[in-house]
Amino acid sequence: MTHTVHPYAHRLGILRDWKSRWFSADPKKYREYMKVDTTLRGYLVKRLRGMYVSSIEIERDEKELRIILKTSRPGIIIGRQGEGAVRIKADIIKQLRKLKLHEIPEIKIDVEEIRSPESDAAIVAQMVAEGLEKRMPFRRVLKQMAEKVMANREVKGVRIAVGGRLGGAEMGRREEVKRGRVPLQTFRADIDFAREKAFLPYGVIGIKVWIYRGDIFND
């Protein structure tokens, strides 16, 4: 029997680092930190939907909470003269107040730009969802997206799978498109994976994207 493992978790400590990094964490506050991280991550995923955010990373020390947003469109998040970032920061503080913490840490928001969005699985998945929500035929969306990704020099292989009531059919099914190779069991293979949902009038369509960007060899 095969066991499907999450490509990110499978490579933790080998190629990937944790998305929440706590420095000088007090063991007694573990529960509180966990609650804050989960709440903020869930809130930001909803809040920043459609802004092409690839990942949300959280770093904290005793007094400061730093949120790193990786996106292909930093201008949308930052806004004119940084007003967008200020608004996000105010909303985050509002969310933290609801949790009734002992003390609210100082919030810092960093926005990092992703240079090649076509080689990032999360952004590709969001592009597929956007195409499906615009009612484009799913086969065309998959084919165009796979070709767009493979046109990138860094990418060695891509696999995009969609599942649900495709094309408004009565019965849900799963379709996928694959180009190149995607070696999921090779630890040194740099595989980026993401899940996304497309919300359509007749139901939700699930999207999974795997992008293989070659092997990473340590010096």
N, C-alpha and C. Protein backbone atom coordinates (compact mmCIF):
# COMPACT_ATOMS: atom_id res chain seq x y z
N MET A 1 0.85 -1.20 0.00
CA MET A 1 0.00 0.00 0.00
C MET A 1 0.89 1.25 0.00
N THR A 2 0.55 2.19 -0.85
CA THR A 2 1.32 3.43 -0.85
C THR A 2 0.74 4.39 0.19
N HIS A 3 1.60 5.23 0.73
CA HIS A 3 1.15 6.25 1.67
C HIS A 3 1.45 7.60 1.04
N THR A 4 0.42 8.40 0.82
CA THR A 4 0.63 9.71 0.23
C THR A 4 1.12 10.66 1.31
N VAL A 5 2.26 11.28 1.09
CA VAL A 5 2.79 12.24 2.07
C VAL A 5 2.79 13.62 1.46
N HIS A 6 2.67 14.62 2.31
CA HIS A 6 2.67 16.01 1.84
C HIS A 6 4.09 16.35 1.38
N PRO A 7 4.28 16.79 0.12
CA PRO A 7 5.63 17.06 -0.37
C PRO A 7 6.42 18.08 0.46
N TYR A 8 5.71 19.00 1.12
CA TYR A 8 6.41 20.01 1.95
C TYR A 8 6.89 19.35 3.24
N ALA A 9 5.98 18.67 3.93
CA ALA A 9 6.32 18.04 5.22
C ALA A 9 7.38 16.95 5.03
N HIS A 10 7.33 16.28 3.89
CA HIS A 10 8.26 15.19 3.56
C HIS A 10 9.70 15.68 3.52
N ARG A 11 9.88 16.98 3.21
CA ARG A 11 11.23 17.53 3.04
C ARG A 11 11.61 18.51 4.16
N LEU A 12 10.81 18.56 5.22
CA LEU A 12 11.12 19.46 6.34
C LEU A 12 12.45 19.07 6.97
N GLY A 13 13.31 20.06 7.16
CA GLY A 13 14.62 19.77 7.76
C GLY A 13 15.64 19.29 6.76
N ILE A 14 15.20 18.98 5.52
CA ILE A 14 16.13 18.56 4.47
C ILE A 14 16.30 19.71 3.48
N LEU A 15 15.21 20.08 2.83
CA LEU A 15 15.25 21.22 1.90
C LEU A 15 14.44 22.40 2.42
N ARG A 16 13.41 22.11 3.24
CA ARG A 16 12.46 23.14 3.66
C ARG A 16 12.66 23.53 5.12
N ASP A 17 12.29 24.75 5.42
CA ASP A 17 12.31 25.23 6.81
C ASP A 17 10.87 25.38 7.28
N TRP A 18 10.66 25.48 8.58
CA TRP A 18 9.32 25.64 9.12
C TRP A 18 8.75 27.01 8.74
N LYS A 19 7.42 27.08 8.59
CA LYS A 19 6.79 28.35 8.21
C LYS A 19 6.51 29.23 9.43
N SER A 20 6.59 28.64 10.63
CA SER A 20 6.52 29.43 11.86
C SER A 20 7.83 29.22 12.61
N ARG A 21 8.53 30.29 12.88
CA ARG A 21 9.83 30.17 13.56
C ARG A 21 9.79 31.01 14.84
N TRP A 22 9.95 30.33 15.97
CA TRP A 22 9.90 31.03 17.26
C TRP A 22 11.29 31.02 17.88
N PHE A 23 11.81 32.19 18.19
CA PHE A 23 13.11 32.28 18.85
C PHE A 23 12.85 32.60 20.32
N SER A 24 13.61 31.98 21.19
CA SER A 24 13.48 32.13 22.65
C SER A 24 12.02 31.95 23.09
N ALA A 25 11.40 30.87 22.61
CA ALA A 25 10.00 30.61 22.97
C ALA A 25 9.91 30.02 24.38
N ASP A 26 9.03 30.59 25.18
CA ASP A 26 8.77 30.09 26.53
C ASP A 26 7.87 28.85 26.41
N PRO A 27 8.32 27.68 26.94
CA PRO A 27 7.50 26.46 26.82
C PRO A 27 6.08 26.62 27.37
N LYS A 28 5.92 27.51 28.39
CA LYS A 28 4.59 27.72 28.98
C LYS A 28 3.65 28.44 27.99
N LYS A 29 4.25 29.18 27.06
CA LYS A 29 3.43 29.96 26.12
C LYS A 29 3.17 29.22 24.80
N TYR A 30 3.59 27.96 24.74
CA TYR A 30 3.46 27.20 23.49
C TYR A 30 2.02 27.22 22.98
N ARG A 31 1.09 26.99 23.88
CA ARG A 31 -0.34 26.93 23.53
C ARG A 31 -0.82 28.26 22.94
N GLU A 32 -0.40 29.34 23.62
CA GLU A 32 -0.80 30.69 23.18
C GLU A 32 -0.22 31.01 21.79
N TYR A 33 1.08 30.71 21.62
CA TYR A 33 1.74 30.97 20.34
C TYR A 33 1.07 30.20 19.21
N MET A 34 0.76 28.95 19.50
CA MET A 34 0.14 28.08 18.49
C MET A 34 -1.22 28.65 18.06
N LYS A 35 -1.99 29.08 19.06
CA LYS A 35 -3.32 29.64 18.82
C LYS A 35 -3.22 30.91 17.97
N VAL A 36 -2.26 31.78 18.32
CA VAL A 36 -2.07 33.04 17.59
C VAL A 36 -1.68 32.77 16.14
N ASP A 37 -0.69 31.87 15.94
CA ASP A 37 -0.21 31.57 14.59
C ASP A 37 -1.33 31.00 13.71
N THR A 38 -2.09 30.05 14.26
CA THR A 38 -3.17 29.42 13.49
C THR A 38 -4.25 30.44 13.13
N THR A 39 -4.63 31.28 14.12
CA THR A 39 -5.67 32.30 13.88
C THR A 39 -5.23 33.30 12.81
N LEU A 40 -4.00 33.80 12.96
CA LEU A 40 -3.50 34.81 12.01
C LEU A 40 -3.37 34.24 10.61
N ARG A 41 -2.86 33.01 10.52
CA ARG A 41 -2.68 32.39 9.21
C ARG A 41 -4.03 32.21 8.51
N GLY A 42 -5.02 31.69 9.27
CA GLY A 42 -6.37 31.49 8.71
C GLY A 42 -7.01 32.80 8.29
N TYR A 43 -6.82 33.83 9.12
CA TYR A 43 -7.40 35.15 8.80
C TYR A 43 -6.76 35.74 7.55
N LEU A 44 -5.42 35.69 7.48
CA LEU A 44 -4.70 36.30 6.35
C LEU A 44 -4.98 35.58 5.03
N VAL A 45 -5.15 34.25 5.09
CA VAL A 45 -5.47 33.50 3.86
C VAL A 45 -6.79 34.00 3.27
N LYS A 46 -7.80 34.23 4.16
CA LYS A 46 -9.10 34.76 3.69
C LYS A 46 -8.97 36.21 3.23
N ARG A 47 -8.27 37.00 4.03
CA ARG A 47 -8.16 38.45 3.79
C ARG A 47 -7.42 38.75 2.49
N LEU A 48 -6.39 37.94 2.19
CA LEU A 48 -5.53 38.23 1.03
C LEU A 48 -5.85 37.36 -0.18
N ARG A 49 -7.02 36.74 -0.17
CA ARG A 49 -7.40 35.90 -1.32
C ARG A 49 -7.49 36.75 -2.60
N GLY A 50 -6.91 36.23 -3.67
CA GLY A 50 -6.92 36.95 -4.95
C GLY A 50 -5.76 37.92 -5.10
N MET A 51 -4.89 38.01 -4.08
CA MET A 51 -3.74 38.92 -4.17
C MET A 51 -2.45 38.18 -4.51
N TYR A 52 -2.58 36.94 -4.93
CA TYR A 52 -1.43 36.10 -5.33
C TYR A 52 -0.37 35.98 -4.25
N VAL A 53 -0.82 35.63 -3.04
CA VAL A 53 0.12 35.41 -1.93
C VAL A 53 0.54 33.95 -1.95
N SER A 54 1.84 33.72 -2.02
CA SER A 54 2.36 32.36 -2.11
C SER A 54 2.45 31.71 -0.73
N SER A 55 3.06 32.42 0.23
CA SER A 55 3.16 31.84 1.57
C SER A 55 3.16 32.93 2.64
N ILE A 56 2.72 32.52 3.83
CA ILE A 56 2.69 33.43 4.99
C ILE A 56 3.62 32.82 6.04
N GLU A 57 4.72 33.50 6.32
CA GLU A 57 5.67 33.00 7.31
C GLU A 57 5.64 33.89 8.55
N ILE A 58 5.77 33.25 9.71
CA ILE A 58 5.70 34.00 10.97
C ILE A 58 6.98 33.77 11.76
N GLU A 59 7.62 34.87 12.17
CA GLU A 59 8.80 34.80 13.03
C GLU A 59 8.51 35.57 14.30
N ARG A 60 8.91 35.03 15.43
CA ARG A 60 8.65 35.77 16.67
C ARG A 60 9.80 35.61 17.65
N ASP A 61 10.04 36.71 18.39
CA ASP A 61 10.91 36.61 19.57
C ASP A 61 10.07 37.06 20.76
N GLU A 62 10.68 37.44 21.86
CA GLU A 62 9.90 37.72 23.08
C GLU A 62 8.93 38.88 22.93
N LYS A 63 9.31 39.91 22.14
CA LYS A 63 8.46 41.10 22.08
C LYS A 63 7.91 41.40 20.70
N GLU A 64 8.42 40.74 19.67
CA GLU A 64 8.07 41.12 18.31
C GLU A 64 7.49 39.95 17.52
N LEU A 65 6.51 40.26 16.69
CA LEU A 65 5.91 39.25 15.81
C LEU A 65 6.07 39.77 14.37
N ARG A 66 6.82 39.03 13.57
CA ARG A 66 7.11 39.47 12.21
C ARG A 66 6.39 38.55 11.23
N ILE A 67 5.59 39.15 10.35
CA ILE A 67 4.84 38.38 9.35
C ILE A 67 5.45 38.67 7.98
N ILE A 68 5.89 37.60 7.31
CA ILE A 68 6.50 37.75 5.98
C ILE A 68 5.51 37.23 4.94
N LEU A 69 5.07 38.13 4.07
CA LEU A 69 4.13 37.76 3.01
C LEU A 69 4.89 37.68 1.70
N LYS A 70 4.88 36.50 1.07
CA LYS A 70 5.57 36.33 -0.22
C LYS A 70 4.51 36.37 -1.32
N THR A 71 4.66 37.34 -2.22
CA THR A 71 3.63 37.55 -3.23
C THR A 71 4.25 37.97 -4.56
N SER A 72 3.51 37.72 -5.65
CA SER A 72 4.01 38.15 -6.96
C SER A 72 3.50 39.56 -7.29
N ARG A 73 2.57 40.07 -6.46
CA ARG A 73 2.04 41.43 -6.69
C ARG A 73 2.13 42.25 -5.40
N PRO A 74 3.35 42.64 -5.01
CA PRO A 74 3.49 43.37 -3.74
C PRO A 74 2.75 44.71 -3.72
N GLY A 75 2.63 45.34 -4.89
CA GLY A 75 1.97 46.66 -4.96
C GLY A 75 0.54 46.63 -4.48
N ILE A 76 -0.19 45.51 -4.74
CA ILE A 76 -1.60 45.40 -4.32
C ILE A 76 -1.68 45.36 -2.80
N ILE A 77 -0.76 44.62 -2.17
CA ILE A 77 -0.80 44.47 -0.70
C ILE A 77 -0.34 45.75 -0.01
N ILE A 78 0.78 46.33 -0.49
CA ILE A 78 1.33 47.52 0.17
C ILE A 78 0.42 48.73 -0.04
N GLY A 79 -0.14 48.87 -1.24
CA GLY A 79 -1.04 50.00 -1.53
C GLY A 79 -0.27 51.30 -1.72
N ARG A 80 -1.02 52.35 -1.99
CA ARG A 80 -0.37 53.65 -2.20
C ARG A 80 0.20 54.17 -0.89
N GLN A 81 1.47 54.55 -0.94
CA GLN A 81 2.19 55.08 0.24
C GLN A 81 2.06 54.16 1.45
N GLY A 82 1.94 52.87 1.20
CA GLY A 82 1.93 51.88 2.29
C GLY A 82 0.65 51.80 3.09
N GLU A 83 -0.45 52.39 2.58
CA GLU A 83 -1.70 52.39 3.38
C GLU A 83 -2.31 50.99 3.49
N GLY A 84 -2.09 50.14 2.46
CA GLY A 84 -2.62 48.77 2.50
C GLY A 84 -1.99 47.97 3.63
N ALA A 85 -0.66 48.09 3.77
CA ALA A 85 0.08 47.38 4.83
C ALA A 85 -0.36 47.87 6.21
N VAL A 86 -0.62 49.18 6.33
CA VAL A 86 -1.06 49.76 7.61
C VAL A 86 -2.42 49.19 8.00
N ARG A 87 -3.31 49.08 6.99
CA ARG A 87 -4.65 48.54 7.23
C ARG A 87 -4.59 47.07 7.67
N ILE A 88 -3.71 46.30 7.01
CA ILE A 88 -3.55 44.88 7.37
C ILE A 88 -3.05 44.76 8.81
N LYS A 89 -2.07 45.61 9.16
CA LYS A 89 -1.51 45.60 10.52
C LYS A 89 -2.59 45.90 11.56
N ALA A 90 -3.45 46.90 11.27
CA ALA A 90 -4.54 47.26 12.20
C ALA A 90 -5.52 46.10 12.35
N ASP A 91 -5.82 45.41 11.24
CA ASP A 91 -6.73 44.25 11.28
C ASP A 91 -6.14 43.11 12.10
N ILE A 92 -4.81 42.91 11.97
CA ILE A 92 -4.14 41.83 12.72
C ILE A 92 -4.22 42.12 14.22
N ILE A 93 -3.97 43.38 14.59
CA ILE A 93 -4.04 43.77 16.02
C ILE A 93 -5.47 43.54 16.55
N LYS A 94 -6.48 43.84 15.71
CA LYS A 94 -7.87 43.62 16.08
C LYS A 94 -8.13 42.13 16.36
N GLN A 95 -7.56 41.27 15.49
CA GLN A 95 -7.71 39.81 15.65
C GLN A 95 -7.04 39.34 16.94
N LEU A 96 -5.86 39.91 17.25
CA LEU A 96 -5.14 39.52 18.46
C LEU A 96 -5.89 39.94 19.72
N ARG A 97 -6.56 41.10 19.64
CA ARG A 97 -7.33 41.58 20.81
C ARG A 97 -8.47 40.61 21.12
N LYS A 98 -9.05 40.04 20.07
CA LYS A 98 -10.15 39.08 20.27
C LYS A 98 -9.68 37.84 21.03
N LEU A 99 -8.39 37.49 20.88
CA LEU A 99 -7.86 36.29 21.54
C LEU A 99 -7.58 36.50 23.03
N LYS A 100 -7.65 37.77 23.49
CA LYS A 100 -7.44 38.14 24.91
C LYS A 100 -6.10 37.62 25.43
N LEU A 101 -5.02 38.06 24.80
CA LEU A 101 -3.67 37.63 25.19
C LEU A 101 -3.20 38.44 26.40
N HIS A 102 -2.16 37.95 27.09
CA HIS A 102 -1.58 38.68 28.23
C HIS A 102 -1.03 40.02 27.76
N GLU A 103 -0.25 39.96 26.68
CA GLU A 103 0.25 41.20 26.08
C GLU A 103 0.32 41.02 24.57
N ILE A 104 0.01 42.09 23.83
CA ILE A 104 0.02 42.02 22.37
C ILE A 104 1.41 42.38 21.88
N PRO A 105 2.06 41.49 21.12
CA PRO A 105 3.42 41.78 20.65
C PRO A 105 3.43 42.90 19.60
N GLU A 106 4.61 43.44 19.37
CA GLU A 106 4.75 44.46 18.33
C GLU A 106 4.70 43.76 16.96
N ILE A 107 3.86 44.28 16.08
CA ILE A 107 3.65 43.62 14.77
C ILE A 107 4.49 44.30 13.71
N LYS A 108 5.20 43.47 12.91
CA LYS A 108 5.93 44.00 11.76
C LYS A 108 5.53 43.19 10.55
N ILE A 109 5.29 43.87 9.43
CA ILE A 109 4.88 43.16 8.21
C ILE A 109 5.92 43.41 7.12
N ASP A 110 6.46 42.32 6.58
CA ASP A 110 7.41 42.41 5.46
C ASP A 110 6.75 41.79 4.24
N VAL A 111 6.83 42.48 3.12
CA VAL A 111 6.27 41.95 1.87
C VAL A 111 7.43 41.66 0.93
N GLU A 112 7.56 40.38 0.54
CA GLU A 112 8.64 39.98 -0.36
C GLU A 112 8.07 39.64 -1.73
N GLU A 113 8.78 40.07 -2.76
CA GLU A 113 8.28 39.82 -4.12
C GLU A 113 8.82 38.50 -4.66
N ILE A 114 7.94 37.76 -5.35
CA ILE A 114 8.35 36.52 -6.02
C ILE A 114 8.63 36.88 -7.48
N ARG A 115 9.85 36.63 -7.90
CA ARG A 115 10.27 37.06 -9.24
C ARG A 115 9.61 36.25 -10.36
N SER A 116 9.55 34.91 -10.18
CA SER A 116 8.94 34.09 -11.26
C SER A 116 7.71 33.36 -10.72
N PRO A 117 6.53 34.00 -10.82
CA PRO A 117 5.30 33.40 -10.26
C PRO A 117 4.92 32.07 -10.92
N GLU A 118 5.34 31.85 -12.19
CA GLU A 118 4.96 30.60 -12.88
C GLU A 118 5.65 29.37 -12.30
N SER A 119 6.72 29.59 -11.49
CA SER A 119 7.39 28.43 -10.89
C SER A 119 6.98 28.25 -9.42
N ASP A 120 5.94 28.97 -9.00
CA ASP A 120 5.44 28.87 -7.62
C ASP A 120 4.08 28.18 -7.61
N ALA A 121 4.00 27.03 -6.93
CA ALA A 121 2.78 26.21 -6.97
C ALA A 121 1.55 26.94 -6.44
N ALA A 122 1.70 27.70 -5.34
CA ALA A 122 0.54 28.38 -4.74
C ALA A 122 -0.05 29.41 -5.70
N ILE A 123 0.82 30.15 -6.39
CA ILE A 123 0.34 31.18 -7.32
C ILE A 123 -0.29 30.54 -8.55
N VAL A 124 0.32 29.45 -9.04
CA VAL A 124 -0.25 28.73 -10.19
C VAL A 124 -1.63 28.19 -9.83
N ALA A 125 -1.78 27.63 -8.62
CA ALA A 125 -3.08 27.10 -8.17
C ALA A 125 -4.13 28.22 -8.11
N GLN A 126 -3.72 29.41 -7.66
CA GLN A 126 -4.64 30.56 -7.61
C GLN A 126 -5.05 31.01 -9.01
N MET A 127 -4.10 30.93 -9.97
CA MET A 127 -4.41 31.28 -11.36
C MET A 127 -5.42 30.30 -11.96
N VAL A 128 -5.26 29.01 -11.63
CA VAL A 128 -6.19 27.98 -12.12
C VAL A 128 -7.58 28.24 -11.53
N ALA A 129 -7.62 28.54 -10.21
CA ALA A 129 -8.91 28.82 -9.54
C ALA A 129 -9.59 30.03 -10.17
N GLU A 130 -8.80 31.05 -10.48
CA GLU A 130 -9.34 32.26 -11.10
C GLU A 130 -9.96 31.95 -12.47
N GLY A 131 -9.25 31.12 -13.24
CA GLY A 131 -9.76 30.72 -14.57
C GLY A 131 -11.06 29.95 -14.47
N LEU A 132 -11.13 29.03 -13.49
CA LEU A 132 -12.36 28.23 -13.30
C LEU A 132 -13.52 29.10 -12.82
N GLU A 133 -13.21 30.06 -11.94
CA GLU A 133 -14.26 30.95 -11.43
C GLU A 133 -14.80 31.90 -12.51
N LYS A 134 -13.97 32.13 -13.54
CA LYS A 134 -14.43 32.95 -14.68
C LYS A 134 -15.21 32.10 -15.69
N ARG A 135 -15.47 30.84 -15.32
CA ARG A 135 -16.26 29.90 -16.12
C ARG A 135 -15.57 29.48 -17.42
N MET A 136 -14.24 29.46 -17.42
CA MET A 136 -13.52 28.97 -18.60
C MET A 136 -13.53 27.45 -18.58
N PRO A 137 -13.49 26.77 -19.75
CA PRO A 137 -13.49 25.30 -19.75
C PRO A 137 -12.26 24.77 -19.01
N PHE A 138 -12.47 23.81 -18.10
CA PHE A 138 -11.39 23.37 -17.22
C PHE A 138 -10.22 22.74 -17.97
N ARG A 139 -10.50 22.03 -19.08
CA ARG A 139 -9.40 21.40 -19.84
C ARG A 139 -8.48 22.45 -20.44
N ARG A 140 -9.09 23.51 -20.93
CA ARG A 140 -8.28 24.60 -21.53
C ARG A 140 -7.43 25.27 -20.45
N VAL A 141 -8.04 25.50 -19.29
CA VAL A 141 -7.32 26.14 -18.17
C VAL A 141 -6.10 25.30 -17.79
N LEU A 142 -6.32 23.98 -17.63
CA LEU A 142 -5.23 23.08 -17.21
C LEU A 142 -4.11 23.06 -18.25
N LYS A 143 -4.50 22.92 -19.51
CA LYS A 143 -3.51 22.81 -20.59
C LYS A 143 -2.69 24.10 -20.72
N GLN A 144 -3.38 25.24 -20.73
CA GLN A 144 -2.69 26.53 -20.86
C GLN A 144 -1.74 26.77 -19.70
N MET A 145 -2.22 26.43 -18.48
CA MET A 145 -1.43 26.67 -17.28
C MET A 145 -0.18 25.78 -17.27
N ALA A 146 -0.34 24.51 -17.65
CA ALA A 146 0.79 23.58 -17.69
C ALA A 146 1.84 24.06 -18.68
N GLU A 147 1.39 24.54 -19.84
CA GLU A 147 2.34 25.03 -20.85
C GLU A 147 3.05 26.30 -20.39
N LYS A 148 2.30 27.16 -19.72
CA LYS A 148 2.86 28.40 -19.19
C LYS A 148 3.95 28.10 -18.16
N VAL A 149 3.68 27.10 -17.29
CA VAL A 149 4.65 26.73 -16.25
C VAL A 149 5.90 26.11 -16.88
N MET A 150 5.70 25.21 -17.86
CA MET A 150 6.84 24.53 -18.49
C MET A 150 7.69 25.48 -19.33
N ALA A 151 7.13 26.63 -19.72
CA ALA A 151 7.90 27.62 -20.48
C ALA A 151 8.99 28.26 -19.62
N ASN A 152 8.86 28.11 -18.28
CA ASN A 152 9.84 28.67 -17.35
C ASN A 152 11.09 27.79 -17.34
N ARG A 153 12.25 28.42 -17.41
CA ARG A 153 13.50 27.67 -17.52
C ARG A 153 13.82 26.85 -16.26
N GLU A 154 13.39 27.33 -15.09
CA GLU A 154 13.68 26.64 -13.82
C GLU A 154 12.92 25.32 -13.69
N VAL A 155 11.76 25.24 -14.32
CA VAL A 155 10.83 24.12 -14.09
C VAL A 155 11.18 22.90 -14.94
N LYS A 156 11.23 21.73 -14.26
CA LYS A 156 11.54 20.46 -14.96
C LYS A 156 10.28 19.61 -15.16
N GLY A 157 9.24 19.88 -14.37
CA GLY A 157 8.01 19.10 -14.49
C GLY A 157 6.87 19.73 -13.72
N VAL A 158 5.64 19.48 -14.16
CA VAL A 158 4.46 20.03 -13.48
C VAL A 158 3.31 19.03 -13.55
N ARG A 159 2.52 19.01 -12.49
CA ARG A 159 1.32 18.19 -12.47
C ARG A 159 0.21 19.01 -11.83
N ILE A 160 -0.92 19.14 -12.53
CA ILE A 160 -2.06 19.91 -11.99
C ILE A 160 -3.27 18.99 -11.99
N ALA A 161 -3.91 18.85 -10.84
CA ALA A 161 -5.10 17.98 -10.73
C ALA A 161 -6.28 18.80 -10.23
N VAL A 162 -7.45 18.56 -10.80
CA VAL A 162 -8.68 19.21 -10.32
C VAL A 162 -9.72 18.13 -10.04
N GLY A 163 -10.53 18.37 -9.02
CA GLY A 163 -11.55 17.38 -8.66
C GLY A 163 -12.82 18.07 -8.19
N GLY A 164 -13.97 17.48 -8.55
CA GLY A 164 -15.26 18.07 -8.16
C GLY A 164 -16.23 17.98 -9.32
N ARG A 165 -17.26 18.81 -9.27
CA ARG A 165 -18.27 18.80 -10.35
C ARG A 165 -17.75 19.60 -11.54
N LEU A 166 -16.83 18.99 -12.26
CA LEU A 166 -16.18 19.68 -13.38
C LEU A 166 -17.17 19.94 -14.51
N GLY A 167 -17.19 21.18 -14.97
CA GLY A 167 -18.10 21.56 -16.04
C GLY A 167 -19.56 21.49 -15.64
N GLY A 168 -19.82 21.49 -14.32
CA GLY A 168 -21.21 21.45 -13.82
C GLY A 168 -21.85 20.07 -13.93
N ALA A 169 -21.02 19.02 -14.10
CA ALA A 169 -21.56 17.65 -14.23
C ALA A 169 -22.25 17.22 -12.95
N GLU A 170 -23.20 16.27 -13.08
CA GLU A 170 -23.94 15.78 -11.91
C GLU A 170 -23.02 15.04 -10.94
N MET A 171 -22.09 14.28 -11.51
CA MET A 171 -21.21 13.47 -10.66
C MET A 171 -19.79 14.05 -10.64
N GLY A 172 -19.22 14.13 -9.45
CA GLY A 172 -17.87 14.68 -9.31
C GLY A 172 -16.84 13.72 -9.89
N ARG A 173 -15.78 14.27 -10.46
CA ARG A 173 -14.71 13.41 -10.95
C ARG A 173 -13.38 14.15 -10.83
N ARG A 174 -12.30 13.45 -11.16
CA ARG A 174 -10.96 14.03 -11.04
C ARG A 174 -10.26 13.99 -12.40
N GLU A 175 -9.66 15.10 -12.77
CA GLU A 175 -8.91 15.16 -14.02
C GLU A 175 -7.54 15.76 -13.71
N GLU A 176 -6.52 15.34 -14.46
CA GLU A 176 -5.21 15.95 -14.24
C GLU A 176 -4.41 16.04 -15.53
N VAL A 177 -3.45 16.95 -15.51
CA VAL A 177 -2.56 17.11 -16.65
C VAL A 177 -1.13 17.09 -16.11
N LYS A 178 -0.23 16.43 -16.87
CA LYS A 178 1.15 16.31 -16.39
C LYS A 178 2.12 16.59 -17.53
N ARG A 179 3.16 17.35 -17.23
CA ARG A 179 4.22 17.61 -18.20
C ARG A 179 5.56 17.39 -17.50
N GLY A 180 6.51 16.81 -18.19
CA GLY A 180 7.84 16.56 -17.60
C GLY A 180 7.76 15.49 -16.53
N ARG A 181 8.69 15.51 -15.57
CA ARG A 181 8.70 14.51 -14.50
C ARG A 181 8.56 15.16 -13.14
N VAL A 182 7.90 14.44 -12.22
CA VAL A 182 7.67 14.94 -10.85
C VAL A 182 8.04 13.82 -9.87
N PRO A 183 9.34 13.71 -9.47
CA PRO A 183 9.75 12.61 -8.58
C PRO A 183 9.43 12.91 -7.11
N LEU A 184 8.26 12.45 -6.65
CA LEU A 184 7.78 12.81 -5.31
C LEU A 184 8.59 12.18 -4.18
N GLN A 185 9.19 11.02 -4.42
CA GLN A 185 9.88 10.31 -3.33
C GLN A 185 11.35 10.69 -3.18
N THR A 186 11.89 11.48 -4.10
CA THR A 186 13.30 11.88 -4.01
C THR A 186 13.42 13.07 -3.07
N PHE A 187 14.15 12.89 -1.97
CA PHE A 187 14.27 13.95 -0.96
C PHE A 187 14.90 15.22 -1.52
N ARG A 188 15.92 15.07 -2.36
CA ARG A 188 16.63 16.27 -2.84
C ARG A 188 15.87 16.98 -3.97
N ALA A 189 14.77 16.38 -4.45
CA ALA A 189 13.97 17.02 -5.50
C ALA A 189 13.23 18.22 -4.91
N ASP A 190 13.44 19.38 -5.53
CA ASP A 190 12.79 20.61 -5.05
C ASP A 190 11.36 20.64 -5.61
N ILE A 191 10.42 20.09 -4.84
CA ILE A 191 9.03 20.03 -5.30
C ILE A 191 8.19 21.00 -4.49
N ASP A 192 7.54 21.89 -5.22
CA ASP A 192 6.65 22.86 -4.59
C ASP A 192 5.23 22.34 -4.77
N PHE A 193 4.44 22.35 -3.68
CA PHE A 193 3.08 21.79 -3.73
C PHE A 193 2.10 22.78 -3.11
N ALA A 194 0.91 22.85 -3.70
CA ALA A 194 -0.12 23.75 -3.13
C ALA A 194 -1.51 23.22 -3.42
N ARG A 195 -2.42 23.55 -2.50
CA ARG A 195 -3.85 23.23 -2.68
C ARG A 195 -4.63 24.53 -2.75
N GLU A 196 -5.70 24.53 -3.52
CA GLU A 196 -6.54 25.72 -3.64
C GLU A 196 -7.97 25.28 -3.92
N LYS A 197 -8.92 26.17 -3.67
CA LYS A 197 -10.33 25.86 -3.98
C LYS A 197 -10.88 26.91 -4.93
N ALA A 198 -11.68 26.46 -5.88
CA ALA A 198 -12.40 27.39 -6.77
C ALA A 198 -13.86 27.31 -6.38
N PHE A 199 -14.46 28.43 -6.02
CA PHE A 199 -15.85 28.46 -5.56
C PHE A 199 -16.77 28.78 -6.75
N LEU A 200 -17.57 27.79 -7.13
CA LEU A 200 -18.48 27.93 -8.27
C LEU A 200 -19.92 27.75 -7.83
N PRO A 201 -20.88 28.24 -8.60
CA PRO A 201 -22.30 28.16 -8.17
C PRO A 201 -22.77 26.73 -7.87
N TYR A 202 -22.21 25.75 -8.59
CA TYR A 202 -22.67 24.37 -8.38
C TYR A 202 -21.78 23.58 -7.42
N GLY A 203 -20.86 24.24 -6.76
CA GLY A 203 -20.04 23.55 -5.76
C GLY A 203 -18.58 23.98 -5.80
N VAL A 204 -17.79 23.38 -4.94
CA VAL A 204 -16.37 23.73 -4.83
C VAL A 204 -15.54 22.76 -5.65
N ILE A 205 -14.56 23.30 -6.37
CA ILE A 205 -13.64 22.44 -7.12
C ILE A 205 -12.27 22.54 -6.45
N GLY A 206 -11.72 21.39 -6.12
CA GLY A 206 -10.40 21.35 -5.47
C GLY A 206 -9.29 21.33 -6.51
N ILE A 207 -8.20 22.03 -6.21
CA ILE A 207 -7.07 22.11 -7.14
C ILE A 207 -5.80 21.73 -6.39
N LYS A 208 -4.98 20.88 -7.02
CA LYS A 208 -3.67 20.54 -6.46
C LYS A 208 -2.61 20.79 -7.54
N VAL A 209 -1.49 21.38 -7.13
CA VAL A 209 -0.41 21.66 -8.08
C VAL A 209 0.92 21.18 -7.51
N TRP A 210 1.65 20.42 -8.32
CA TRP A 210 3.01 20.00 -7.98
C TRP A 210 3.94 20.60 -9.03
N ILE A 211 5.02 21.28 -8.61
CA ILE A 211 6.00 21.81 -9.56
C ILE A 211 7.39 21.32 -9.15
N TYR A 212 8.07 20.68 -10.11
CA TYR A 212 9.42 20.15 -9.86
C TYR A 212 10.44 21.10 -10.46
N ARG A 213 11.33 21.63 -9.58
CA ARG A 213 12.29 22.63 -10.03
C ARG A 213 13.73 22.12 -10.00
N GLY A 214 13.91 20.85 -10.27
CA GLY A 214 15.26 20.29 -10.29
C GLY A 214 15.71 19.84 -8.91
N ASP A 215 16.88 19.24 -8.85
CA ASP A 215 17.42 18.70 -7.59
C ASP A 215 18.31 19.74 -6.91
N ILE A 216 18.34 19.68 -5.57
CA ILE A 216 19.20 20.58 -4.80
C ILE A 216 20.30 19.73 -4.17
N PHE A 217 21.55 20.04 -4.48
CA PHE A 217 22.69 19.31 -3.90
C PHE A 217 23.40 20.25 -2.95
N ASN A 218 23.65 19.78 -1.72
CA ASN A 218 24.38 20.60 -0.77
C ASN A 218 25.87 20.62 -1.16
N ASP A 219 26.54 21.76 -0.86
CA ASP A 219 27.96 21.87 -1.16
C ASP A 219 28.75 20.93 -0.24
